[in-house]
């Protein structure tokens, strides 16, 4: 067993200056929004830092569900609700772009492999 597998090189120290309490909001259909509320080490709210909103959903594909997630640029829940559709469309477009780039790289790699000349053939 390697040191990594034993956990000896992993740092499990909690950053007590960057703690958040999480609330989950969902419409039980499409949207899931995580509201991350900054807190102090004693668990009380930390008003000096801003809340973070993260939206997530799934898009069904022939291969199965495709999870999407994006940070919502919002200061409150009402803004997060409005930001959600645009952020999910953007996340989907980014995912499609990355998949297309990976396909192109794979196709290029396969074409390069087919150019190999083997002596005696």
PDB file of N, CA and C in Angstrom:
ATOM      1  N   UNK A   1       0.851  -1.184   0.000  1.00  0.00           N
ATOM      2  CA  UNK A   1       0.000   0.000   0.000  1.00  0.00           C
ATOM      3  C   UNK A   1       0.894   1.245   0.000  1.00  0.00           C
ATOM      4  N   UNK A   2       0.575   2.227  -0.836  1.00  0.00           N
ATOM      5  CA  UNK A   2       1.369   3.448  -0.926  1.00  0.00           C
ATOM      6  C   UNK A   2       1.029   4.378   0.227  1.00  0.00           C
ATOM      7  N   UNK A   3       1.888   5.396   0.427  1.00  0.00           N
ATOM      8  CA  UNK A   3       1.632   6.387   1.474  1.00  0.00           C
ATOM      9  C   UNK A   3       0.332   7.137   1.202  1.00  0.00           C
ATOM     10  N   UNK A   4       0.063   7.407  -0.091  1.00  0.00           N
ATOM     11  CA  UNK A   4      -1.165   8.121  -0.446  1.00  0.00           C
ATOM     12  C   UNK A   4      -2.383   7.296  -0.060  1.00  0.00           C
ATOM     13  N   UNK A   5      -2.346   6.006  -0.342  1.00  0.00           N
ATOM     14  CA  UNK A   5      -3.476   5.147  -0.012  1.00  0.00           C
ATOM     15  C   UNK A   5      -3.677   5.061   1.491  1.00  0.00           C
ATOM     16  N   UNK A   6      -2.601   5.196   2.256  1.00  0.00           N
ATOM     17  CA  UNK A   6      -2.706   5.162   3.710  1.00  0.00           C
ATOM     18  C   UNK A   6      -3.138   6.508   4.277  1.00  0.00           C
ATOM     19  N   UNK A   7      -3.147   7.561   3.465  1.00  0.00           N
ATOM     20  CA  UNK A   7      -3.581   8.878   3.913  1.00  0.00           C
ATOM     21  C   UNK A   7      -2.511   9.687   4.606  1.00  0.00           C
ATOM     22  N   UNK A   8      -1.268   9.263   4.546  1.00  0.00           N
ATOM     23  CA  UNK A   8      -0.209   9.970   5.263  1.00  0.00           C
ATOM     24  C   UNK A   8       0.138  11.313   4.623  1.00  0.00           C
ATOM     25  N   UNK A   9      -0.057  11.451   3.315  1.00  0.00           N
ATOM     26  CA  UNK A   9       0.298  12.695   2.630  1.00  0.00           C
ATOM     27  C   UNK A   9      -0.892  13.637   2.474  1.00  0.00           C
ATOM     28  N   UNK A  10      -2.033  13.283   3.015  1.00  0.00           N
ATOM     29  CA  UNK A  10      -3.226  14.109   2.879  1.00  0.00           C
ATOM     30  C   UNK A  10      -3.371  15.039   4.079  1.00  0.00           C
ATOM     31  N   UNK A  11      -3.784  16.257   3.806  1.00  0.00           N
ATOM     32  CA  UNK A  11      -3.978  17.236   4.868  1.00  0.00           C
ATOM     33  C   UNK A  11      -5.462  17.320   5.188  1.00  0.00           C
ATOM     34  N   UNK A  12      -5.839  16.873   6.368  1.00  0.00           N
ATOM     35  CA  UNK A  12      -7.237  16.869   6.782  1.00  0.00           C
ATOM     36  C   UNK A  12      -7.551  17.991   7.772  1.00  0.00           C
ATOM     37  N   UNK A  13      -6.708  19.012   7.818  1.00  0.00           N
ATOM     38  CA  UNK A  13      -6.911  20.129   8.729  1.00  0.00           C
ATOM     39  C   UNK A  13      -8.047  21.019   8.243  1.00  0.00           C
ATOM     40  N   UNK A  14      -8.956  21.371   9.121  1.00  0.00           N
ATOM     41  CA  UNK A  14     -10.081  22.243   8.780  1.00  0.00           C
ATOM     42  C   UNK A  14      -9.608  23.692   8.787  1.00  0.00           C
ATOM     43  N   UNK A  15      -9.958  24.432   7.738  1.00  0.00           N
ATOM     44  CA  UNK A  15      -9.645  25.861   7.651  1.00  0.00           C
ATOM     45  C   UNK A  15     -10.736  26.616   8.398  1.00  0.00           C
ATOM     46  N   UNK A  16     -10.500  26.910   9.660  1.00  0.00           N
ATOM     47  CA  UNK A  16     -11.545  27.535  10.493  1.00  0.00           C
ATOM     48  C   UNK A  16     -11.822  28.990  10.116  1.00  0.00           C
ATOM     49  N   UNK A  17     -11.028  29.542   9.210  1.00  0.00           N
ATOM     50  CA  UNK A  17     -11.270  30.912   8.746  1.00  0.00           C
ATOM     51  C   UNK A  17     -12.088  30.939   7.456  1.00  0.00           C
ATOM     52  N   UNK A  18     -12.534  29.770   6.991  1.00  0.00           N
ATOM     53  CA  UNK A  18     -13.295  29.695   5.751  1.00  0.00           C
ATOM     54  C   UNK A  18     -14.458  28.704   5.902  1.00  0.00           C
ATOM     55  N   UNK A  19     -15.204  28.852   6.967  1.00  0.00           N
ATOM     56  CA  UNK A  19     -16.309  27.936   7.247  1.00  0.00           C
ATOM     57  C   UNK A  19     -17.628  28.473   6.697  1.00  0.00           C
ATOM     58  N   UNK A  20     -18.481  27.547   6.224  1.00  0.00           N
ATOM     59  CA  UNK A  20     -19.800  27.894   5.702  1.00  0.00           C
ATOM     60  C   UNK A  20     -20.825  26.896   6.218  1.00  0.00           C
ATOM     61  N   UNK A  21     -22.028  27.375   6.449  1.00  0.00           N
ATOM     62  CA  UNK A  21     -23.173  26.511   6.730  1.00  0.00           C
ATOM     63  C   UNK A  21     -23.947  26.399   5.426  1.00  0.00           C
ATOM     64  N   UNK A  22     -24.439  25.226   5.133  1.00  0.00           N
ATOM     65  CA  UNK A  22     -25.097  24.989   3.854  1.00  0.00           C
ATOM     66  C   UNK A  22     -26.598  24.786   4.037  1.00  0.00           C
ATOM     67  N   UNK A  23     -27.356  25.449   3.180  1.00  0.00           N
ATOM     68  CA  UNK A  23     -28.802  25.226   3.090  1.00  0.00           C
ATOM     69  C   UNK A  23     -29.104  24.771   1.671  1.00  0.00           C
ATOM     70  N   UNK A  24     -30.032  23.841   1.539  1.00  0.00           N
ATOM     71  CA  UNK A  24     -30.412  23.341   0.215  1.00  0.00           C
ATOM     72  C   UNK A  24     -31.827  23.797  -0.110  1.00  0.00           C
ATOM     73  N   UNK A  25     -32.010  24.308  -1.321  1.00  0.00           N
ATOM     74  CA  UNK A  25     -33.309  24.765  -1.804  1.00  0.00           C
ATOM     75  C   UNK A  25     -33.581  24.026  -3.108  1.00  0.00           C
ATOM     76  N   UNK A  26     -34.762  23.455  -3.258  1.00  0.00           N
ATOM     77  CA  UNK A  26     -35.089  22.750  -4.492  1.00  0.00           C
ATOM     78  C   UNK A  26     -36.561  22.931  -4.832  1.00  0.00           C
ATOM     79  N   UNK A  27     -36.865  22.831  -6.123  1.00  0.00           N
ATOM     80  CA  UNK A  27     -38.265  22.853  -6.556  1.00  0.00           C
ATOM     81  C   UNK A  27     -38.769  21.437  -6.816  1.00  0.00           C
ATOM     82  N   UNK A  28     -37.937  20.430  -6.517  1.00  0.00           N
ATOM     83  CA  UNK A  28     -38.246  19.013  -6.706  1.00  0.00           C
ATOM     84  C   UNK A  28     -38.506  18.643  -8.163  1.00  0.00           C
ATOM     85  N   UNK A  29     -38.143  19.526  -9.088  1.00  0.00           N
ATOM     86  CA  UNK A  29     -38.319  19.250 -10.519  1.00  0.00           C
ATOM     87  C   UNK A  29     -36.998  19.431 -11.255  1.00  0.00           C
ATOM     88  N   UNK A  30     -36.537  20.665 -11.303  1.00  0.00           N
ATOM     89  CA  UNK A  30     -35.363  21.006 -12.107  1.00  0.00           C
ATOM     90  C   UNK A  30     -34.232  21.569 -11.261  1.00  0.00           C
ATOM     91  N   UNK A  31     -34.551  22.478 -10.386  1.00  0.00           N
ATOM     92  CA  UNK A  31     -33.532  23.288  -9.731  1.00  0.00           C
ATOM     93  C   UNK A  31     -33.135  22.771  -8.355  1.00  0.00           C
ATOM     94  N   UNK A  32     -31.842  22.880  -8.115  1.00  0.00           N
ATOM     95  CA  UNK A  32     -31.281  22.668  -6.789  1.00  0.00           C
ATOM     96  C   UNK A  32     -30.290  23.799  -6.562  1.00  0.00           C
ATOM     97  N   UNK A  33     -30.479  24.534  -5.487  1.00  0.00           N
ATOM     98  CA  UNK A  33     -29.599  25.655  -5.172  1.00  0.00           C
ATOM     99  C   UNK A  33     -29.028  25.433  -3.775  1.00  0.00           C
ATOM    100  N   UNK A  34     -27.700  25.498  -3.695  1.00  0.00           N
ATOM    101  CA  UNK A  34     -27.031  25.424  -2.402  1.00  0.00           C
ATOM    102  C   UNK A  34     -26.692  26.843  -1.971  1.00  0.00           C
ATOM    103  N   UNK A  35     -27.128  27.187  -0.797  1.00  0.00           N
ATOM    104  CA  UNK A  35     -26.827  28.496  -0.225  1.00  0.00           C
ATOM    105  C   UNK A  35     -25.771  28.284   0.854  1.00  0.00           C
ATOM    106  N   UNK A  36     -24.592  28.849   0.635  1.00  0.00           N
ATOM    107  CA  UNK A  36     -23.490  28.710   1.578  1.00  0.00           C
ATOM    108  C   UNK A  36     -23.376  29.999   2.393  1.00  0.00           C
ATOM    109  N   UNK A  37     -23.627  29.884   3.679  1.00  0.00           N
ATOM    110  CA  UNK A  37     -23.657  31.036   4.574  1.00  0.00           C
ATOM    111  C   UNK A  37     -22.357  31.047   5.376  1.00  0.00           C
ATOM    112  N   UNK A  38     -21.564  32.121   5.263  1.00  0.00           N
ATOM    113  CA  UNK A  38     -20.304  32.164   6.004  1.00  0.00           C
ATOM    114  C   UNK A  38     -20.555  32.195   7.509  1.00  0.00           C
ATOM    115  N   UNK A  39     -19.750  31.411   8.232  1.00  0.00           N
ATOM    116  CA  UNK A  39     -19.886  31.379   9.692  1.00  0.00           C
ATOM    117  C   UNK A  39     -18.517  31.526  10.343  1.00  0.00           C
ATOM    118  N   UNK A  40     -18.555  31.906  11.599  1.00  0.00           N
ATOM    119  CA  UNK A  40     -17.357  31.991  12.430  1.00  0.00           C
ATOM    120  C   UNK A  40     -17.081  30.613  13.032  1.00  0.00           C
ATOM    121  N   UNK A  41     -15.894  30.403  13.585  1.00  0.00           N
ATOM    122  CA  UNK A  41     -15.582  29.088  14.160  1.00  0.00           C
ATOM    123  C   UNK A  41     -16.571  28.619  15.231  1.00  0.00           C
ATOM    124  N   UNK A  42     -17.251  29.553  15.900  1.00  0.00           N
ATOM    125  CA  UNK A  42     -18.221  29.149  16.925  1.00  0.00           C
ATOM    126  C   UNK A  42     -19.588  28.801  16.329  1.00  0.00           C
ATOM    127  N   UNK A  43     -19.740  28.913  15.009  1.00  0.00           N
ATOM    128  CA  UNK A  43     -20.987  28.563  14.334  1.00  0.00           C
ATOM    129  C   UNK A  43     -21.929  29.730  14.106  1.00  0.00           C
ATOM    130  N   UNK A  44     -21.615  30.895  14.630  1.00  0.00           N
ATOM    131  CA  UNK A  44     -22.473  32.067  14.404  1.00  0.00           C
ATOM    132  C   UNK A  44     -22.189  32.648  13.024  1.00  0.00           C
ATOM    133  N   UNK A  45     -23.174  33.372  12.473  1.00  0.00           N
ATOM    134  CA  UNK A  45     -23.013  33.978  11.152  1.00  0.00           C
ATOM    135  C   UNK A  45     -21.841  34.949  11.135  1.00  0.00           C
ATOM    136  N   UNK A  46     -21.148  34.997   9.981  1.00  0.00           N
ATOM    137  CA  UNK A  46     -20.036  35.922   9.783  1.00  0.00           C
ATOM    138  C   UNK A  46     -20.483  36.987   8.786  1.00  0.00           C
ATOM    139  N   UNK A  47     -20.952  38.147   9.282  1.00  0.00           N
ATOM    140  CA  UNK A  47     -21.471  39.178   8.383  1.00  0.00           C
ATOM    141  C   UNK A  47     -20.400  39.871   7.538  1.00  0.00           C
ATOM    142  N   UNK A  48     -19.127  39.629   7.810  1.00  0.00           N
ATOM    143  CA  UNK A  48     -18.069  40.282   7.043  1.00  0.00           C
ATOM    144  C   UNK A  48     -17.824  39.602   5.692  1.00  0.00           C
ATOM    145  N   UNK A  49     -18.392  38.414   5.497  1.00  0.00           N
ATOM    146  CA  UNK A  49     -18.221  37.698   4.229  1.00  0.00           C
ATOM    147  C   UNK A  49     -19.580  37.523   3.563  1.00  0.00           C
ATOM    148  N   UNK A  50     -19.556  37.336   2.244  1.00  0.00           N
ATOM    149  CA  UNK A  50     -20.811  37.223   1.499  1.00  0.00           C
ATOM    150  C   UNK A  50     -21.237  35.766   1.320  1.00  0.00           C
ATOM    151  N   UNK A  51     -22.523  35.576   1.177  1.00  0.00           N
ATOM    152  CA  UNK A  51     -23.086  34.256   0.909  1.00  0.00           C
ATOM    153  C   UNK A  51     -22.700  33.824  -0.505  1.00  0.00           C
ATOM    154  N   UNK A  52     -22.677  32.520  -0.702  1.00  0.00           N
ATOM    155  CA  UNK A  52     -22.388  31.957  -2.023  1.00  0.00           C
ATOM    156  C   UNK A  52     -23.573  31.088  -2.421  1.00  0.00           C
ATOM    157  N   UNK A  53     -23.997  31.209  -3.681  1.00  0.00           N
ATOM    158  CA  UNK A  53     -25.090  30.394  -4.203  1.00  0.00           C
ATOM    159  C   UNK A  53     -24.547  29.532  -5.342  1.00  0.00           C
ATOM    160  N   UNK A  54     -24.860  28.245  -5.281  1.00  0.00           N
ATOM    161  CA  UNK A  54     -24.418  27.307  -6.318  1.00  0.00           C
ATOM    162  C   UNK A  54     -25.641  26.561  -6.831  1.00  0.00           C
ATOM    163  N   UNK A  55     -25.856  26.643  -8.139  1.00  0.00           N
ATOM    164  CA  UNK A  55     -26.989  25.971  -8.755  1.00  0.00           C
ATOM    165  C   UNK A  55     -26.557  24.658  -9.377  1.00  0.00           C
ATOM    166  N   UNK A  56     -27.459  23.678  -9.347  1.00  0.00           N
ATOM    167  CA  UNK A  56     -27.172  22.411 -10.015  1.00  0.00           C
ATOM    168  C   UNK A  56     -28.454  21.794 -10.537  1.00  0.00           C
ATOM    169  N   UNK A  57     -28.290  20.998 -11.580  1.00  0.00           N
ATOM    170  CA  UNK A  57     -29.408  20.296 -12.197  1.00  0.00           C
ATOM    171  C   UNK A  57     -28.843  19.111 -12.979  1.00  0.00           C
ATOM    172  N   UNK A  58     -29.714  18.358 -13.606  1.00  0.00           N
ATOM    173  CA  UNK A  58     -29.291  17.258 -14.472  1.00  0.00           C
ATOM    174  C   UNK A  58     -30.032  17.364 -15.794  1.00  0.00           C
ATOM    175  N   UNK A  59     -29.316  17.029 -16.863  1.00  0.00           N
ATOM    176  CA  UNK A  59     -29.904  16.974 -18.197  1.00  0.00           C
ATOM    177  C   UNK A  59     -29.845  15.514 -18.629  1.00  0.00           C
ATOM    178  N   UNK A  60     -30.975  14.983 -19.065  1.00  0.00           N
ATOM    179  CA  UNK A  60     -30.987  13.588 -19.498  1.00  0.00           C
ATOM    180  C   UNK A  60     -30.423  13.473 -20.913  1.00  0.00           C
ATOM    181  N   UNK A  61     -29.522  12.521 -21.104  1.00  0.00           N
ATOM    182  CA  UNK A  61     -28.931  12.237 -22.403  1.00  0.00           C
ATOM    183  C   UNK A  61     -29.136  10.747 -22.696  1.00  0.00           C
ATOM    184  N   UNK A  62     -28.888  10.312 -23.926  1.00  0.00           N
ATOM    185  CA  UNK A  62     -29.009   8.873 -24.221  1.00  0.00           C
ATOM    186  C   UNK A  62     -28.071   8.011 -23.359  1.00  0.00           C
ATOM    187  N   UNK A  63     -26.969   8.599 -22.891  1.00  0.00           N
ATOM    188  CA  UNK A  63     -26.020   7.867 -22.055  1.00  0.00           C
ATOM    189  C   UNK A  63     -26.367   7.930 -20.577  1.00  0.00           C
ATOM    190  N   UNK A  64     -27.392   8.706 -20.217  1.00  0.00           N
ATOM    191  CA  UNK A  64     -27.784   8.846 -18.817  1.00  0.00           C
ATOM    192  C   UNK A  64     -27.767  10.300 -18.398  1.00  0.00           C
ATOM    193  N   UNK A  65     -27.996  10.559 -17.115  1.00  0.00           N
ATOM    194  CA  UNK A  65     -28.059  11.941 -16.641  1.00  0.00           C
ATOM    195  C   UNK A  65     -26.694  12.629 -16.677  1.00  0.00           C
ATOM    196  N   UNK A  66     -26.704  13.877 -17.100  1.00  0.00           N
ATOM    197  CA  UNK A  66     -25.495  14.687 -17.151  1.00  0.00           C
ATOM    198  C   UNK A  66     -25.634  15.780 -16.094  1.00  0.00           C
ATOM    199  N   UNK A  67     -24.820  15.740 -15.036  1.00  0.00           N
ATOM    200  CA  UNK A  67     -24.938  16.761 -13.990  1.00  0.00           C
ATOM    201  C   UNK A  67     -24.327  18.088 -14.436  1.00  0.00           C
ATOM    202  N   UNK A  68     -24.997  19.163 -14.102  1.00  0.00           N
ATOM    203  CA  UNK A  68     -24.504  20.514 -14.377  1.00  0.00           C
ATOM    204  C   UNK A  68     -24.461  21.281 -13.067  1.00  0.00           C
ATOM    205  N   UNK A  69     -23.436  22.097 -12.914  1.00  0.00           N
ATOM    206  CA  UNK A  69     -23.311  22.907 -11.708  1.00  0.00           C
ATOM    207  C   UNK A  69     -22.632  24.212 -12.052  1.00  0.00           C
ATOM    208  N   UNK A  70     -23.064  25.297 -11.421  1.00  0.00           N
ATOM    209  CA  UNK A  70     -22.450  26.600 -11.661  1.00  0.00           C
ATOM    210  C   UNK A  70     -22.690  27.512 -10.465  1.00  0.00           C
ATOM    211  N   UNK A  71     -21.735  28.381 -10.235  1.00  0.00           N
ATOM    212  CA  UNK A  71     -21.913  29.398  -9.200  1.00  0.00           C
ATOM    213  C   UNK A  71     -22.904  30.427  -9.726  1.00  0.00           C
ATOM    214  N   UNK A  72     -23.827  30.828  -8.879  1.00  0.00           N
ATOM    215  CA  UNK A  72     -24.824  31.822  -9.256  1.00  0.00           C
ATOM    216  C   UNK A  72     -24.380  33.174  -8.718  1.00  0.00           C
ATOM    217  N   UNK A  73     -24.251  34.142  -9.605  1.00  0.00           N
ATOM    218  CA  UNK A  73     -23.857  35.485  -9.196  1.00  0.00           C
ATOM    219  C   UNK A  73     -25.083  36.180  -8.610  1.00  0.00           C
ATOM    220  N   UNK A  74     -25.258  36.007  -7.312  1.00  0.00           N
ATOM    221  CA  UNK A  74     -26.449  36.526  -6.649  1.00  0.00           C
ATOM    222  C   UNK A  74     -26.114  36.922  -5.218  1.00  0.00           C
ATOM    223  N   UNK A  75     -26.860  37.914  -4.716  1.00  0.00           N
ATOM    224  CA  UNK A  75     -26.696  38.357  -3.333  1.00  0.00           C
ATOM    225  C   UNK A  75     -27.787  37.819  -2.423  1.00  0.00           C
ATOM    226  N   UNK A  76     -28.867  37.292  -3.029  1.00  0.00           N
ATOM    227  CA  UNK A  76     -29.965  36.747  -2.236  1.00  0.00           C
ATOM    228  C   UNK A  76     -30.674  35.665  -3.045  1.00  0.00           C
ATOM    229  N   UNK A  77     -31.623  34.975  -2.423  1.00  0.00           N
ATOM    230  CA  UNK A  77     -32.306  33.873  -3.097  1.00  0.00           C
ATOM    231  C   UNK A  77     -33.088  34.317  -4.324  1.00  0.00           C
ATOM    232  N   UNK A  78     -33.751  35.465  -4.249  1.00  0.00           N
ATOM    233  CA  UNK A  78     -34.534  35.924  -5.398  1.00  0.00           C
ATOM    234  C   UNK A  78     -33.642  36.126  -6.613  1.00  0.00           C
ATOM    235  N   UNK A  79     -32.461  36.702  -6.409  1.00  0.00           N
ATOM    236  CA  UNK A  79     -31.513  36.877  -7.510  1.00  0.00           C
ATOM    237  C   UNK A  79     -31.007  35.514  -7.987  1.00  0.00           C
ATOM    238  N   UNK A  80     -30.810  34.581  -7.077  1.00  0.00           N
ATOM    239  CA  UNK A  80     -30.347  33.237  -7.447  1.00  0.00           C
ATOM    240  C   UNK A  80     -31.378  32.542  -8.325  1.00  0.00           C
ATOM    241  N   UNK A  81     -32.676  32.697  -7.996  1.00  0.00           N
ATOM    242  CA  UNK A  81     -33.736  32.094  -8.814  1.00  0.00           C
ATOM    243  C   UNK A  81     -33.685  32.631 -10.244  1.00  0.00           C
ATOM    244  N   UNK A  82     -33.473  33.935 -10.370  1.00  0.00           N
ATOM    245  CA  UNK A  82     -33.425  34.550 -11.700  1.00  0.00           C
ATOM    246  C   UNK A  82     -32.158  34.154 -12.457  1.00  0.00           C
ATOM    247  N   UNK A  83     -31.049  34.008 -11.752  1.00  0.00           N
ATOM    248  CA  UNK A  83     -29.763  33.680 -12.365  1.00  0.00           C
ATOM    249  C   UNK A  83     -29.685  32.213 -12.793  1.00  0.00           C
ATOM    250  N   UNK A  84     -30.437  31.343 -12.129  1.00  0.00           N
ATOM    251  CA  UNK A  84     -30.331  29.901 -12.331  1.00  0.00           C
ATOM    252  C   UNK A  84     -30.446  29.465 -13.794  1.00  0.00           C
ATOM    253  N   UNK A  85     -31.513  29.834 -14.531  1.00  0.00           N
ATOM    254  CA  UNK A  85     -31.639  29.339 -15.915  1.00  0.00           C
ATOM    255  C   UNK A  85     -30.459  29.730 -16.811  1.00  0.00           C
ATOM    256  N   UNK A  86     -30.028  30.962 -16.719  1.00  0.00           N
ATOM    257  CA  UNK A  86     -28.909  31.429 -17.539  1.00  0.00           C
ATOM    258  C   UNK A  86     -27.622  30.701 -17.166  1.00  0.00           C
ATOM    259  N   UNK A  87     -27.379  30.521 -15.871  1.00  0.00           N
ATOM    260  CA  UNK A  87     -26.158  29.844 -15.430  1.00  0.00           C
ATOM    261  C   UNK A  87     -26.136  28.389 -15.882  1.00  0.00           C
ATOM    262  N   UNK A  88     -27.292  27.728 -15.863  1.00  0.00           N
ATOM    263  CA  UNK A  88     -27.344  26.326 -16.293  1.00  0.00           C
ATOM    264  C   UNK A  88     -27.144  26.210 -17.806  1.00  0.00           C
ATOM    265  N   UNK A  89     -27.711  27.156 -18.570  1.00  0.00           N
ATOM    266  CA  UNK A  89     -27.483  27.154 -20.026  1.00  0.00           C
ATOM    267  C   UNK A  89     -25.998  27.357 -20.331  1.00  0.00           C
ATOM    268  N   UNK A  90     -25.385  28.272 -19.605  1.00  0.00           N
ATOM    269  CA  UNK A  90     -23.957  28.535 -19.794  1.00  0.00           C
ATOM    270  C   UNK A  90     -23.143  27.288 -19.443  1.00  0.00           C
ATOM    271  N   UNK A  91     -23.463  26.641 -18.320  1.00  0.00           N
ATOM    272  CA  UNK A  91     -22.746  25.430 -17.913  1.00  0.00           C
ATOM    273  C   UNK A  91     -22.910  24.327 -18.958  1.00  0.00           C
ATOM    274  N   UNK A  92     -24.103  24.200 -19.509  1.00  0.00           N
ATOM    275  CA  UNK A  92     -24.349  23.197 -20.544  1.00  0.00           C
ATOM    276  C   UNK A  92     -23.533  23.502 -21.804  1.00  0.00           C
ATOM    277  N   UNK A  93     -23.524  24.760 -22.219  1.00  0.00           N
ATOM    278  CA  UNK A  93     -22.741  25.158 -23.400  1.00  0.00           C
ATOM    279  C   UNK A  93     -21.252  24.889 -23.184  1.00  0.00           C
ATOM    280  N   UNK A  94     -20.755  25.181 -21.985  1.00  0.00           N
ATOM    281  CA  UNK A  94     -19.347  24.919 -21.673  1.00  0.00           C
ATOM    282  C   UNK A  94     -19.052  23.422 -21.734  1.00  0.00           C
ATOM    283  N   UNK A  95     -19.960  22.604 -21.199  1.00  0.00           N
ATOM    284  CA  UNK A  95     -19.784  21.161 -21.215  1.00  0.00           C
ATOM    285  C   UNK A  95     -19.767  20.639 -22.650  1.00  0.00           C
ATOM    286  N   UNK A  96     -20.698  21.101 -23.483  1.00  0.00           N
ATOM    287  CA  UNK A  96     -20.746  20.667 -24.882  1.00  0.00           C
ATOM    288  C   UNK A  96     -19.464  21.071 -25.603  1.00  0.00           C
ATOM    289  N   UNK A  97     -18.988  22.272 -25.363  1.00  0.00           N
ATOM    290  CA  UNK A  97     -17.746  22.742 -25.987  1.00  0.00           C
ATOM    291  C   UNK A  97     -16.571  21.851 -25.589  1.00  0.00           C
ATOM    292  N   UNK A  98     -16.467  21.517 -24.299  1.00  0.00           N
ATOM    293  CA  UNK A  98     -15.380  20.659 -23.836  1.00  0.00           C
ATOM    294  C   UNK A  98     -15.464  19.267 -24.458  1.00  0.00           C
ATOM    295  N   UNK A  99     -16.680  18.736 -24.554  1.00  0.00           N
ATOM    296  CA  UNK A  99     -16.854  17.405 -25.150  1.00  0.00           C
ATOM    297  C   UNK A  99     -16.444  17.428 -26.614  1.00  0.00           C
ATOM    298  N   UNK A 100     -16.838  18.478 -27.344  1.00  0.00           N
ATOM    299  CA  UNK A 100     -16.452  18.588 -28.757  1.00  0.00           C
ATOM    300  C   UNK A 100     -14.935  18.687 -28.908  1.00  0.00           C
ATOM    301  N   UNK A 101     -14.282  19.444 -28.017  1.00  0.00           N
ATOM    302  CA  UNK A 101     -12.824  19.550 -28.066  1.00  0.00           C
ATOM    303  C   UNK A 101     -12.174  18.195 -27.800  1.00  0.00           C
ATOM    304  N   UNK A 102     -12.701  17.444 -26.852  1.00  0.00           N
ATOM    305  CA  UNK A 102     -12.156  16.128 -26.550  1.00  0.00           C
ATOM    306  C   UNK A 102     -12.332  15.180 -27.732  1.00  0.00           C
ATOM    307  N   UNK A 103     -13.482  15.261 -28.403  1.00  0.00           N
ATOM    308  CA  UNK A 103     -13.708  14.419 -29.587  1.00  0.00           C
ATOM    309  C   UNK A 103     -12.717  14.757 -30.695  1.00  0.00           C
ATOM    310  N   UNK A 104     -12.473  16.061 -30.902  1.00  0.00           N
ATOM    311  CA  UNK A 104     -11.512  16.477 -31.924  1.00  0.00           C
ATOM    312  C   UNK A 104     -10.119  15.967 -31.589  1.00  0.00           C
ATOM    313  N   UNK A 105      -9.736  16.065 -30.314  1.00  0.00           N
ATOM    314  CA  UNK A 105      -8.420  15.572 -29.906  1.00  0.00           C
ATOM    315  C   UNK A 105      -8.318  14.069 -30.123  1.00  0.00           C
ATOM    316  N   UNK A 106      -9.380  13.341 -29.816  1.00  0.00           N
ATOM    317  CA  UNK A 106      -9.375  11.897 -30.003  1.00  0.00           C
ATOM    318  C   UNK A 106      -9.278  11.545 -31.485  1.00  0.00           C
ATOM    319  N   UNK A 107     -10.030  12.259 -32.322  1.00  0.00           N
ATOM    320  CA  UNK A 107      -9.990  12.021 -33.760  1.00  0.00           C
ATOM    321  C   UNK A 107      -8.600  12.311 -34.304  1.00  0.00           C
ATOM    322  N   UNK A 108      -7.987  13.407 -33.881  1.00  0.00           N
ATOM    323  CA  UNK A 108      -6.642  13.758 -34.319  1.00  0.00           C
ATOM    324  C   UNK A 108      -5.654  12.685 -33.888  1.00  0.00           C
ATOM    325  N   UNK A 109      -5.788  12.218 -32.661  1.00  0.00           N
ATOM    326  CA  UNK A 109      -4.901  11.175 -32.148  1.00  0.00           C
ATOM    327  C   UNK A 109      -5.055   9.889 -32.944  1.00  0.00           C
ATOM    328  N   UNK A 110      -6.283   9.516 -33.280  1.00  0.00           N
ATOM    329  CA  UNK A 110      -6.519   8.307 -34.069  1.00  0.00           C
ATOM    330  C   UNK A 110      -5.949   8.457 -35.469  1.00  0.00           C
ATOM    331  N   UNK A 111      -6.053   9.663 -36.055  1.00  0.00           N
ATOM    332  CA  UNK A 111      -5.489   9.891 -37.385  1.00  0.00           C
ATOM    333  C   UNK A 111      -3.971   9.802 -37.340  1.00  0.00           C
ATOM    334  N   UNK A 112      -3.364  10.350 -36.281  1.00  0.00           N
ATOM    335  CA  UNK A 112      -1.910  10.273 -36.136  1.00  0.00           C
ATOM    336  C   UNK A 112      -1.464   8.823 -35.998  1.00  0.00           C
ATOM    337  N   UNK A 113      -2.216   8.028 -35.244  1.00  0.00           N
ATOM    338  CA  UNK A 113      -1.881   6.611 -35.056  1.00  0.00           C
ATOM    339  C   UNK A 113      -1.974   5.856 -36.380  1.00  0.00           C
ATOM    340  N   UNK A 114      -2.897   6.256 -37.254  1.00  0.00           N
ATOM    341  CA  UNK A 114      -3.063   5.522 -38.506  1.00  0.00           C
ATOM    342  C   UNK A 114      -1.938   5.823 -39.489  1.00  0.00           C
ATOM    343  N   UNK A 115      -1.136   6.838 -39.208  1.00  0.00           N
ATOM    344  CA  UNK A 115      -0.026   7.197 -40.101  1.00  0.00           C
ATOM    345  C   UNK A 115       1.239   6.427 -39.782  1.00  0.00           C
ATOM    346  N   UNK A 116       1.208   5.595 -38.777  1.00  0.00           N
ATOM    347  CA  UNK A 116       2.397   4.850 -38.401  1.00  0.00           C
ATOM    348  C   UNK A 116       2.716   3.826 -39.486  1.00  0.00           C
ATOM    349  N   UNK A 117       3.949   3.861 -39.946  1.00  0.00           N
ATOM    350  CA  UNK A 117       4.391   2.927 -40.983  1.00  0.00           C
ATOM    351  C   UNK A 117       5.193   1.823 -40.297  1.00  0.00           C
ATOM    352  N   UNK A 118       4.750   0.613 -40.470  1.00  0.00           N
ATOM    353  CA  UNK A 118       5.427  -0.520 -39.848  1.00  0.00           C
ATOM    354  C   UNK A 118       6.215  -1.239 -40.936  1.00  0.00           C
ATOM    355  N   UNK A 119       7.536  -1.339 -40.778  1.00  0.00           N
ATOM    356  CA  UNK A 119       8.370  -2.009 -41.781  1.00  0.00           C
ATOM    357  C   UNK A 119       7.910  -3.465 -41.969  1.00  0.00           C
ATOM    358  N   UNK A 120       7.937  -3.905 -43.220  1.00  0.00           N
ATOM    359  CA  UNK A 120       7.566  -5.275 -43.525  1.00  0.00           C
ATOM    360  C   UNK A 120       6.101  -5.471 -43.813  1.00  0.00           C
ATOM    361  N   UNK A 121       5.329  -4.427 -43.738  1.00  0.00           N
ATOM    362  CA  UNK A 121       3.892  -4.562 -44.031  1.00  0.00           C
ATOM    363  C   UNK A 121       3.593  -3.979 -45.361  1.00  0.00           C
TER     364      UNK A 121
END
